[in-house]
């Protein structure tokens, strides 16, 4: 682990952190001194992630469960406080993507998106903010948006709708949270190389071709931006969304052409 202590003494929750962007955010927080509750729906992934960070010297707790379940996210906040004594940072990273033609899109697919991407994120934010309010020393909350919340993308109308809604949530909650010293922001990743996207052998080449920077983002790229928002350096930044896409939204060519 790094000797940096930027987050020393702080406690963070990161959902959807068994792999990919969430795991990298949890790793960077732990490297900088935070104690981290690592959540994932998949218990094995959650345990493996926590063990990986613990072996590297991080203080981590695995807590598997469904981040779309309101009772679970409230219990997760309570568990973090019971185990670590407080909560300072909450990153609502868990989410799903469902592709589908608008004319054929099914209600159950939309409900899945709404339950995790919106309902889960909303009530996790509420539970974390309640705890931070009770502690009386502020805090940091970060939501996970997407470039599809900014630009139209074929087959992702429903997904993009949920991501745009999260950015509006970050703006709207400034009214409630800023007086408490709690910041709330969002990051909006573009094409990113993760375990999931790497399953597509054409993904890196396709997105490298249409991204001005010449390559998809790495999970490190997204985590660096996330850590800025939850760091002391971002104390006067709230209600904002940052796009991390190598310039794709400036030109927005489709990967399907």
C-alpha atoms as a PDB file:
ATOM      1  CA  UNK A   1       0.000   0.000   0.000  1.00  0.00           C
ATOM      2  CA  UNK A   2       1.043   3.578  -0.636  1.00  0.00           C
ATOM      3  CA  UNK A   3       2.298   5.726   2.213  1.00  0.00           C
ATOM      4  CA  UNK A   4      -0.165   8.476   1.290  1.00  0.00           C
ATOM      5  CA  UNK A   5      -2.622   9.302   4.047  1.00  0.00           C
ATOM      6  CA  UNK A   6      -5.047  11.650   2.279  1.00  0.00           C
ATOM      7  CA  UNK A   7      -8.037   9.664   3.574  1.00  0.00           C
ATOM      8  CA  UNK A   8      -6.509   8.521   6.864  1.00  0.00           C
ATOM      9  CA  UNK A   9      -9.179   8.119   9.533  1.00  0.00           C
ATOM     10  CA  UNK A  10     -12.072   8.167   7.050  1.00  0.00           C
ATOM     11  CA  UNK A  11     -14.591   5.432   6.342  1.00  0.00           C
ATOM     12  CA  UNK A  12     -16.051   4.756   2.901  1.00  0.00           C
ATOM     13  CA  UNK A  13     -18.739   2.583   1.347  1.00  0.00           C
ATOM     14  CA  UNK A  14     -18.310   1.591  -2.302  1.00  0.00           C
ATOM     15  CA  UNK A  15     -21.114  -0.411  -3.916  1.00  0.00           C
ATOM     16  CA  UNK A  16     -20.641  -2.638  -6.928  1.00  0.00           C
ATOM     17  CA  UNK A  17     -16.988  -2.939  -5.958  1.00  0.00           C
ATOM     18  CA  UNK A  18     -16.276  -6.598  -6.609  1.00  0.00           C
ATOM     19  CA  UNK A  19     -14.489  -5.740  -9.832  1.00  0.00           C
ATOM     20  CA  UNK A  20     -14.042  -3.020 -12.423  1.00  0.00           C
ATOM     21  CA  UNK A  21     -14.410   0.664 -11.614  1.00  0.00           C
ATOM     22  CA  UNK A  22     -15.804   0.064  -8.136  1.00  0.00           C
ATOM     23  CA  UNK A  23     -12.910  -2.168  -7.114  1.00  0.00           C
ATOM     24  CA  UNK A  24     -10.369   0.344  -8.378  1.00  0.00           C
ATOM     25  CA  UNK A  25     -12.039   3.171  -6.452  1.00  0.00           C
ATOM     26  CA  UNK A  26     -12.011   1.031  -3.308  1.00  0.00           C
ATOM     27  CA  UNK A  27      -8.352   0.151  -3.918  1.00  0.00           C
ATOM     28  CA  UNK A  28      -7.283   3.771  -4.295  1.00  0.00           C
ATOM     29  CA  UNK A  29      -9.214   4.821  -1.194  1.00  0.00           C
ATOM     30  CA  UNK A  30      -7.619   2.025   0.845  1.00  0.00           C
ATOM     31  CA  UNK A  31      -4.158   2.892  -0.482  1.00  0.00           C
ATOM     32  CA  UNK A  32      -4.648   6.414   0.814  1.00  0.00           C
ATOM     33  CA  UNK A  33      -5.678   5.378   4.294  1.00  0.00           C
ATOM     34  CA  UNK A  34      -9.457   4.962   4.191  1.00  0.00           C
ATOM     35  CA  UNK A  35     -11.241   2.047   5.776  1.00  0.00           C
ATOM     36  CA  UNK A  36     -13.582   0.667   3.130  1.00  0.00           C
ATOM     37  CA  UNK A  37     -16.750  -1.405   3.115  1.00  0.00           C
ATOM     38  CA  UNK A  38     -16.729  -3.243  -0.216  1.00  0.00           C
ATOM     39  CA  UNK A  39     -20.166  -4.205  -1.511  1.00  0.00           C
ATOM     40  CA  UNK A  40     -21.138  -6.432  -4.413  1.00  0.00           C
ATOM     41  CA  UNK A  41     -24.204  -8.502  -5.241  1.00  0.00           C
ATOM     42  CA  UNK A  42     -21.887 -11.470  -5.813  1.00  0.00           C
ATOM     43  CA  UNK A  43     -20.638 -12.625  -2.407  1.00  0.00           C
ATOM     44  CA  UNK A  44     -17.579 -14.331  -3.854  1.00  0.00           C
ATOM     45  CA  UNK A  45     -16.513 -11.181  -5.710  1.00  0.00           C
ATOM     46  CA  UNK A  46     -17.051  -9.047  -2.611  1.00  0.00           C
ATOM     47  CA  UNK A  47     -14.960 -11.385  -0.470  1.00  0.00           C
ATOM     48  CA  UNK A  48     -12.208 -11.656  -3.064  1.00  0.00           C
ATOM     49  CA  UNK A  49     -12.042  -7.874  -3.438  1.00  0.00           C
ATOM     50  CA  UNK A  50     -11.811  -7.299   0.302  1.00  0.00           C
ATOM     51  CA  UNK A  51      -9.170 -10.004   0.693  1.00  0.00           C
ATOM     52  CA  UNK A  52      -7.133  -8.517  -2.142  1.00  0.00           C
ATOM     53  CA  UNK A  53      -7.109  -5.097  -0.507  1.00  0.00           C
ATOM     54  CA  UNK A  54      -6.448  -6.540   2.941  1.00  0.00           C
ATOM     55  CA  UNK A  55      -3.418  -8.467   1.643  1.00  0.00           C
ATOM     56  CA  UNK A  56      -2.056  -5.178   0.330  1.00  0.00           C
ATOM     57  CA  UNK A  57      -2.464  -3.613   3.764  1.00  0.00           C
ATOM     58  CA  UNK A  58      -5.877  -1.981   3.424  1.00  0.00           C
ATOM     59  CA  UNK A  59      -8.610  -2.043   6.057  1.00  0.00           C
ATOM     60  CA  UNK A  60     -11.609  -3.530   4.249  1.00  0.00           C
ATOM     61  CA  UNK A  61     -14.865  -5.266   5.055  1.00  0.00           C
ATOM     62  CA  UNK A  62     -16.827  -7.293   2.487  1.00  0.00           C
ATOM     63  CA  UNK A  63     -20.591  -6.864   2.606  1.00  0.00           C
ATOM     64  CA  UNK A  64     -22.444  -8.719  -0.123  1.00  0.00           C
ATOM     65  CA  UNK A  65     -26.006  -7.867  -1.005  1.00  0.00           C
ATOM     66  CA  UNK A  66     -28.450  -6.228  -3.378  1.00  0.00           C
ATOM     67  CA  UNK A  67     -27.862  -2.485  -3.578  1.00  0.00           C
ATOM     68  CA  UNK A  68     -31.342  -2.022  -5.061  1.00  0.00           C
ATOM     69  CA  UNK A  69     -32.929  -3.236  -1.808  1.00  0.00           C
ATOM     70  CA  UNK A  70     -33.783  -0.311   0.474  1.00  0.00           C
ATOM     71  CA  UNK A  71     -33.616  -2.358   3.663  1.00  0.00           C
ATOM     72  CA  UNK A  72     -30.245  -3.748   2.633  1.00  0.00           C
ATOM     73  CA  UNK A  73     -28.640  -0.378   1.859  1.00  0.00           C
ATOM     74  CA  UNK A  74     -29.839   0.998   5.191  1.00  0.00           C
ATOM     75  CA  UNK A  75     -28.407  -2.045   6.955  1.00  0.00           C
ATOM     76  CA  UNK A  76     -25.167  -1.652   5.004  1.00  0.00           C
ATOM     77  CA  UNK A  77     -24.691   1.884   6.310  1.00  0.00           C
ATOM     78  CA  UNK A  78     -25.410   0.645   9.833  1.00  0.00           C
ATOM     79  CA  UNK A  79     -22.865  -2.161   9.366  1.00  0.00           C
ATOM     80  CA  UNK A  80     -20.154   0.241   8.223  1.00  0.00           C
ATOM     81  CA  UNK A  81     -20.759   2.419  11.274  1.00  0.00           C
ATOM     82  CA  UNK A  82     -20.885  -0.547  13.642  1.00  0.00           C
ATOM     83  CA  UNK A  83     -17.641  -1.966  12.248  1.00  0.00           C
ATOM     84  CA  UNK A  84     -15.626   1.197  11.643  1.00  0.00           C
ATOM     85  CA  UNK A  85     -17.343   3.694  13.947  1.00  0.00           C
ATOM     86  CA  UNK A  86     -18.429   6.290  11.379  1.00  0.00           C
ATOM     87  CA  UNK A  87     -19.157   7.031   7.712  1.00  0.00           C
ATOM     88  CA  UNK A  88     -17.468   9.809   5.752  1.00  0.00           C
ATOM     89  CA  UNK A  89     -17.665   8.790   2.089  1.00  0.00           C
ATOM     90  CA  UNK A  90     -20.366   6.974   0.136  1.00  0.00           C
ATOM     91  CA  UNK A  91     -19.948   5.997  -3.517  1.00  0.00           C
ATOM     92  CA  UNK A  92     -23.072   4.612  -5.202  1.00  0.00           C
ATOM     93  CA  UNK A  93     -21.287   2.756  -7.971  1.00  0.00           C
ATOM     94  CA  UNK A  94     -23.576  -0.279  -8.326  1.00  0.00           C
ATOM     95  CA  UNK A  95     -25.614  -0.241 -11.507  1.00  0.00           C
ATOM     96  CA  UNK A  96     -26.678  -2.288 -14.497  1.00  0.00           C
ATOM     97  CA  UNK A  97     -26.827  -1.669 -18.225  1.00  0.00           C
ATOM     98  CA  UNK A  98     -29.577  -3.118 -20.369  1.00  0.00           C
ATOM     99  CA  UNK A  99     -29.502  -2.677 -24.126  1.00  0.00           C
ATOM    100  CA  UNK A 100     -32.676  -2.758 -26.158  1.00  0.00           C
ATOM    101  CA  UNK A 101     -34.518  -1.388 -29.149  1.00  0.00           C
ATOM    102  CA  UNK A 102     -36.983   1.255 -27.942  1.00  0.00           C
ATOM    103  CA  UNK A 103     -39.914  -0.297 -29.838  1.00  0.00           C
ATOM    104  CA  UNK A 104     -39.276  -3.723 -28.310  1.00  0.00           C
ATOM    105  CA  UNK A 105     -38.151  -2.756 -24.794  1.00  0.00           C
ATOM    106  CA  UNK A 106     -39.895  -4.742 -22.064  1.00  0.00           C
ATOM    107  CA  UNK A 107     -41.277  -3.449 -18.724  1.00  0.00           C
ATOM    108  CA  UNK A 108     -39.215  -5.902 -16.660  1.00  0.00           C
ATOM    109  CA  UNK A 109     -36.001  -4.557 -18.192  1.00  0.00           C
ATOM    110  CA  UNK A 110     -36.954  -0.997 -17.340  1.00  0.00           C
ATOM    111  CA  UNK A 111     -37.899  -2.005 -13.804  1.00  0.00           C
ATOM    112  CA  UNK A 112     -34.481  -3.604 -13.253  1.00  0.00           C
ATOM    113  CA  UNK A 113     -32.793  -0.375 -14.286  1.00  0.00           C
ATOM    114  CA  UNK A 114     -35.013   1.811 -12.141  1.00  0.00           C
ATOM    115  CA  UNK A 115     -34.631  -0.429  -9.086  1.00  0.00           C
ATOM    116  CA  UNK A 116     -30.829  -0.445  -8.998  1.00  0.00           C
ATOM    117  CA  UNK A 117     -29.669   2.630 -10.877  1.00  0.00           C
ATOM    118  CA  UNK A 118     -32.217   5.013  -9.356  1.00  0.00           C
ATOM    119  CA  UNK A 119     -34.080   3.553  -6.379  1.00  0.00           C
ATOM    120  CA  UNK A 120     -30.984   1.948  -4.873  1.00  0.00           C
ATOM    121  CA  UNK A 121     -28.796   4.996  -5.432  1.00  0.00           C
ATOM    122  CA  UNK A 122     -31.447   7.349  -4.034  1.00  0.00           C
ATOM    123  CA  UNK A 123     -31.973   5.439  -0.816  1.00  0.00           C
ATOM    124  CA  UNK A 124     -28.291   4.675  -0.298  1.00  0.00           C
ATOM    125  CA  UNK A 125     -27.665   8.405  -0.599  1.00  0.00           C
ATOM    126  CA  UNK A 126     -30.437   9.062   1.901  1.00  0.00           C
ATOM    127  CA  UNK A 127     -29.120   6.519   4.407  1.00  0.00           C
ATOM    128  CA  UNK A 128     -25.553   7.807   4.101  1.00  0.00           C
ATOM    129  CA  UNK A 129     -26.640  11.438   4.389  1.00  0.00           C
ATOM    130  CA  UNK A 130     -28.699  10.695   7.498  1.00  0.00           C
ATOM    131  CA  UNK A 131     -25.634   9.145   9.130  1.00  0.00           C
ATOM    132  CA  UNK A 132     -23.407  12.046   8.089  1.00  0.00           C
ATOM    133  CA  UNK A 133     -25.972  14.523   9.423  1.00  0.00           C
ATOM    134  CA  UNK A 134     -26.043  12.700  12.762  1.00  0.00           C
ATOM    135  CA  UNK A 135     -22.237  12.818  12.958  1.00  0.00           C
ATOM    136  CA  UNK A 136     -22.283  16.556  12.360  1.00  0.00           C
ATOM    137  CA  UNK A 137     -19.019  16.908  10.434  1.00  0.00           C
ATOM    138  CA  UNK A 138     -20.082  16.707   6.799  1.00  0.00           C
ATOM    139  CA  UNK A 139     -19.186  14.084   4.257  1.00  0.00           C
ATOM    140  CA  UNK A 140     -18.837  13.148   0.602  1.00  0.00           C
ATOM    141  CA  UNK A 141     -21.352  11.354  -1.635  1.00  0.00           C
ATOM    142  CA  UNK A 142     -20.644  10.361  -5.235  1.00  0.00           C
ATOM    143  CA  UNK A 143     -23.070   9.003  -7.833  1.00  0.00           C
ATOM    144  CA  UNK A 144     -22.115   7.066 -10.960  1.00  0.00           C
ATOM    145  CA  UNK A 145     -23.523   8.533 -14.152  1.00  0.00           C
ATOM    146  CA  UNK A 146     -22.501   7.885 -17.772  1.00  0.00           C
ATOM    147  CA  UNK A 147     -21.852   9.681 -21.045  1.00  0.00           C
ATOM    148  CA  UNK A 148     -25.181   8.214 -22.129  1.00  0.00           C
ATOM    149  CA  UNK A 149     -26.791  10.635 -19.699  1.00  0.00           C
ATOM    150  CA  UNK A 150     -25.381  13.436 -21.883  1.00  0.00           C
ATOM    151  CA  UNK A 151     -25.522  12.134 -25.448  1.00  0.00           C
ATOM    152  CA  UNK A 152     -27.986   9.913 -27.261  1.00  0.00           C
ATOM    153  CA  UNK A 153     -26.722   6.389 -27.773  1.00  0.00           C
ATOM    154  CA  UNK A 154     -28.458   3.709 -29.791  1.00  0.00           C
ATOM    155  CA  UNK A 155     -30.121   0.939 -27.754  1.00  0.00           C
ATOM    156  CA  UNK A 156     -29.447   2.760 -24.463  1.00  0.00           C
ATOM    157  CA  UNK A 157     -32.393   5.141 -24.160  1.00  0.00           C
ATOM    158  CA  UNK A 158     -33.606   3.657 -20.880  1.00  0.00           C
ATOM    159  CA  UNK A 159     -30.126   3.370 -19.386  1.00  0.00           C
ATOM    160  CA  UNK A 160     -29.221   6.909 -20.396  1.00  0.00           C
ATOM    161  CA  UNK A 161     -32.433   8.171 -18.837  1.00  0.00           C
ATOM    162  CA  UNK A 162     -31.444   6.708 -15.464  1.00  0.00           C
ATOM    163  CA  UNK A 163     -27.962   8.194 -15.651  1.00  0.00           C
ATOM    164  CA  UNK A 164     -29.226  11.668 -16.519  1.00  0.00           C
ATOM    165  CA  UNK A 165     -31.602  11.362 -13.565  1.00  0.00           C
ATOM    166  CA  UNK A 166     -28.705  10.681 -11.198  1.00  0.00           C
ATOM    167  CA  UNK A 167     -26.990  13.873 -12.275  1.00  0.00           C
ATOM    168  CA  UNK A 168     -30.190  15.785 -11.581  1.00  0.00           C
ATOM    169  CA  UNK A 169     -30.354  14.121  -8.171  1.00  0.00           C
ATOM    170  CA  UNK A 170     -26.849  15.410  -7.395  1.00  0.00           C
ATOM    171  CA  UNK A 171     -27.942  18.932  -8.343  1.00  0.00           C
ATOM    172  CA  UNK A 172     -31.218  18.790  -6.451  1.00  0.00           C
ATOM    173  CA  UNK A 173     -29.718  17.482  -3.215  1.00  0.00           C
ATOM    174  CA  UNK A 174     -27.326  20.411  -2.932  1.00  0.00           C
ATOM    175  CA  UNK A 175     -30.248  22.248  -1.314  1.00  0.00           C
ATOM    176  CA  UNK A 176     -30.554  19.625   1.422  1.00  0.00           C
ATOM    177  CA  UNK A 177     -26.929  18.606   1.901  1.00  0.00           C
ATOM    178  CA  UNK A 178     -24.746  21.681   1.436  1.00  0.00           C
ATOM    179  CA  UNK A 179     -25.881  23.290   4.725  1.00  0.00           C
ATOM    180  CA  UNK A 180     -24.690  20.110   6.457  1.00  0.00           C
ATOM    181  CA  UNK A 181     -21.236  20.222   4.898  1.00  0.00           C
ATOM    182  CA  UNK A 182     -22.034  17.217   2.695  1.00  0.00           C
ATOM    183  CA  UNK A 183     -21.022  17.398  -0.961  1.00  0.00           C
ATOM    184  CA  UNK A 184     -22.730  15.340  -3.660  1.00  0.00           C
ATOM    185  CA  UNK A 185     -21.406  14.972  -7.186  1.00  0.00           C
ATOM    186  CA  UNK A 186     -21.365  12.531 -10.088  1.00  0.00           C
ATOM    187  CA  UNK A 187     -18.829  11.127 -12.496  1.00  0.00           C
ATOM    188  CA  UNK A 188     -19.883  10.133 -16.006  1.00  0.00           C
ATOM    189  CA  UNK A 189     -17.546   7.558 -17.533  1.00  0.00           C
ATOM    190  CA  UNK A 190     -17.404   6.921 -21.230  1.00  0.00           C
ATOM    191  CA  UNK A 191     -16.124   3.696 -22.770  1.00  0.00           C
ATOM    192  CA  UNK A 192     -13.967   2.012 -20.125  1.00  0.00           C
ATOM    193  CA  UNK A 193     -11.910  -1.161 -20.178  1.00  0.00           C
ATOM    194  CA  UNK A 194     -13.200  -3.458 -17.442  1.00  0.00           C
ATOM    195  CA  UNK A 195     -13.531  -7.208 -16.999  1.00  0.00           C
ATOM    196  CA  UNK A 196     -16.962  -6.985 -18.627  1.00  0.00           C
ATOM    197  CA  UNK A 197     -16.025  -4.876 -21.659  1.00  0.00           C
ATOM    198  CA  UNK A 198     -12.857  -6.908 -22.182  1.00  0.00           C
ATOM    199  CA  UNK A 199     -15.109  -9.886 -23.001  1.00  0.00           C
ATOM    200  CA  UNK A 200     -15.780  -8.145 -26.331  1.00  0.00           C
ATOM    201  CA  UNK A 201     -12.607  -8.662 -28.408  1.00  0.00           C
ATOM    202  CA  UNK A 202     -13.480  -5.648 -30.596  1.00  0.00           C
ATOM    203  CA  UNK A 203     -14.281  -3.217 -27.775  1.00  0.00           C
ATOM    204  CA  UNK A 204     -10.889  -1.541 -27.348  1.00  0.00           C
ATOM    205  CA  UNK A 205     -10.330  -1.198 -31.081  1.00  0.00           C
ATOM    206  CA  UNK A 206     -13.845   0.093 -31.788  1.00  0.00           C
ATOM    207  CA  UNK A 207     -13.859   2.684 -29.036  1.00  0.00           C
ATOM    208  CA  UNK A 208     -10.236   3.635 -29.624  1.00  0.00           C
ATOM    209  CA  UNK A 209     -11.143   4.450 -33.225  1.00  0.00           C
ATOM    210  CA  UNK A 210     -14.023   6.799 -32.321  1.00  0.00           C
ATOM    211  CA  UNK A 211     -12.535   8.367 -29.157  1.00  0.00           C
ATOM    212  CA  UNK A 212     -10.458  11.507 -29.820  1.00  0.00           C
ATOM    213  CA  UNK A 213      -7.911  10.453 -27.176  1.00  0.00           C
ATOM    214  CA  UNK A 214      -7.400   7.228 -29.152  1.00  0.00           C
ATOM    215  CA  UNK A 215      -8.268   4.745 -26.427  1.00  0.00           C
ATOM    216  CA  UNK A 216     -11.046   3.846 -23.993  1.00  0.00           C
ATOM    217  CA  UNK A 217     -10.600   4.923 -20.390  1.00  0.00           C
ATOM    218  CA  UNK A 218      -8.968   2.661 -17.841  1.00  0.00           C
ATOM    219  CA  UNK A 219     -10.563   2.003 -14.469  1.00  0.00           C
ATOM    220  CA  UNK A 220      -7.730   4.060 -12.992  1.00  0.00           C
ATOM    221  CA  UNK A 221      -8.836   7.063 -15.066  1.00  0.00           C
ATOM    222  CA  UNK A 222     -12.326   6.910 -13.576  1.00  0.00           C
ATOM    223  CA  UNK A 223     -11.089   6.262 -10.041  1.00  0.00           C
ATOM    224  CA  UNK A 224      -8.756   9.261 -10.129  1.00  0.00           C
ATOM    225  CA  UNK A 225     -11.727  11.531 -10.862  1.00  0.00           C
ATOM    226  CA  UNK A 226     -13.845   9.835  -8.201  1.00  0.00           C
ATOM    227  CA  UNK A 227     -11.184  10.333  -5.553  1.00  0.00           C
ATOM    228  CA  UNK A 228     -10.938  14.033  -6.330  1.00  0.00           C
ATOM    229  CA  UNK A 229     -14.654  14.493  -5.661  1.00  0.00           C
ATOM    230  CA  UNK A 230     -14.499  12.701  -2.306  1.00  0.00           C
ATOM    231  CA  UNK A 231     -11.227  14.312  -1.234  1.00  0.00           C
ATOM    232  CA  UNK A 232     -10.661  17.351   0.987  1.00  0.00           C
ATOM    233  CA  UNK A 233      -9.606  19.254  -2.146  1.00  0.00           C
ATOM    234  CA  UNK A 234     -13.212  19.184  -3.438  1.00  0.00           C
ATOM    235  CA  UNK A 235     -14.825  20.702  -0.372  1.00  0.00           C
ATOM    236  CA  UNK A 236     -16.360  23.566  -2.383  1.00  0.00           C
ATOM    237  CA  UNK A 237     -17.451  21.412  -5.329  1.00  0.00           C
ATOM    238  CA  UNK A 238     -20.995  20.073  -5.162  1.00  0.00           C
ATOM    239  CA  UNK A 239     -23.899  19.389  -7.496  1.00  0.00           C
ATOM    240  CA  UNK A 240     -21.520  18.761 -10.392  1.00  0.00           C
ATOM    241  CA  UNK A 241     -20.977  16.004 -12.951  1.00  0.00           C
ATOM    242  CA  UNK A 242     -17.649  15.293 -14.629  1.00  0.00           C
ATOM    243  CA  UNK A 243     -17.451  13.447 -17.945  1.00  0.00           C
ATOM    244  CA  UNK A 244     -14.412  11.169 -18.353  1.00  0.00           C
ATOM    245  CA  UNK A 245     -14.518   9.949 -21.935  1.00  0.00           C
ATOM    246  CA  UNK A 246     -11.366  10.986 -23.828  1.00  0.00           C
ATOM    247  CA  UNK A 247     -13.401  13.581 -25.701  1.00  0.00           C
ATOM    248  CA  UNK A 248     -16.071  11.245 -27.097  1.00  0.00           C
ATOM    249  CA  UNK A 249     -19.046  13.436 -26.136  1.00  0.00           C
ATOM    250  CA  UNK A 250     -17.512  16.328 -28.059  1.00  0.00           C
ATOM    251  CA  UNK A 251     -17.859  14.427 -31.320  1.00  0.00           C
ATOM    252  CA  UNK A 252     -20.128  11.478 -30.413  1.00  0.00           C
ATOM    253  CA  UNK A 253     -19.631   9.060 -33.321  1.00  0.00           C
ATOM    254  CA  UNK A 254     -21.563   5.819 -32.967  1.00  0.00           C
ATOM    255  CA  UNK A 255     -19.714   2.538 -32.494  1.00  0.00           C
ATOM    256  CA  UNK A 256     -22.342   0.885 -34.709  1.00  0.00           C
ATOM    257  CA  UNK A 257     -21.391   2.714 -37.911  1.00  0.00           C
END
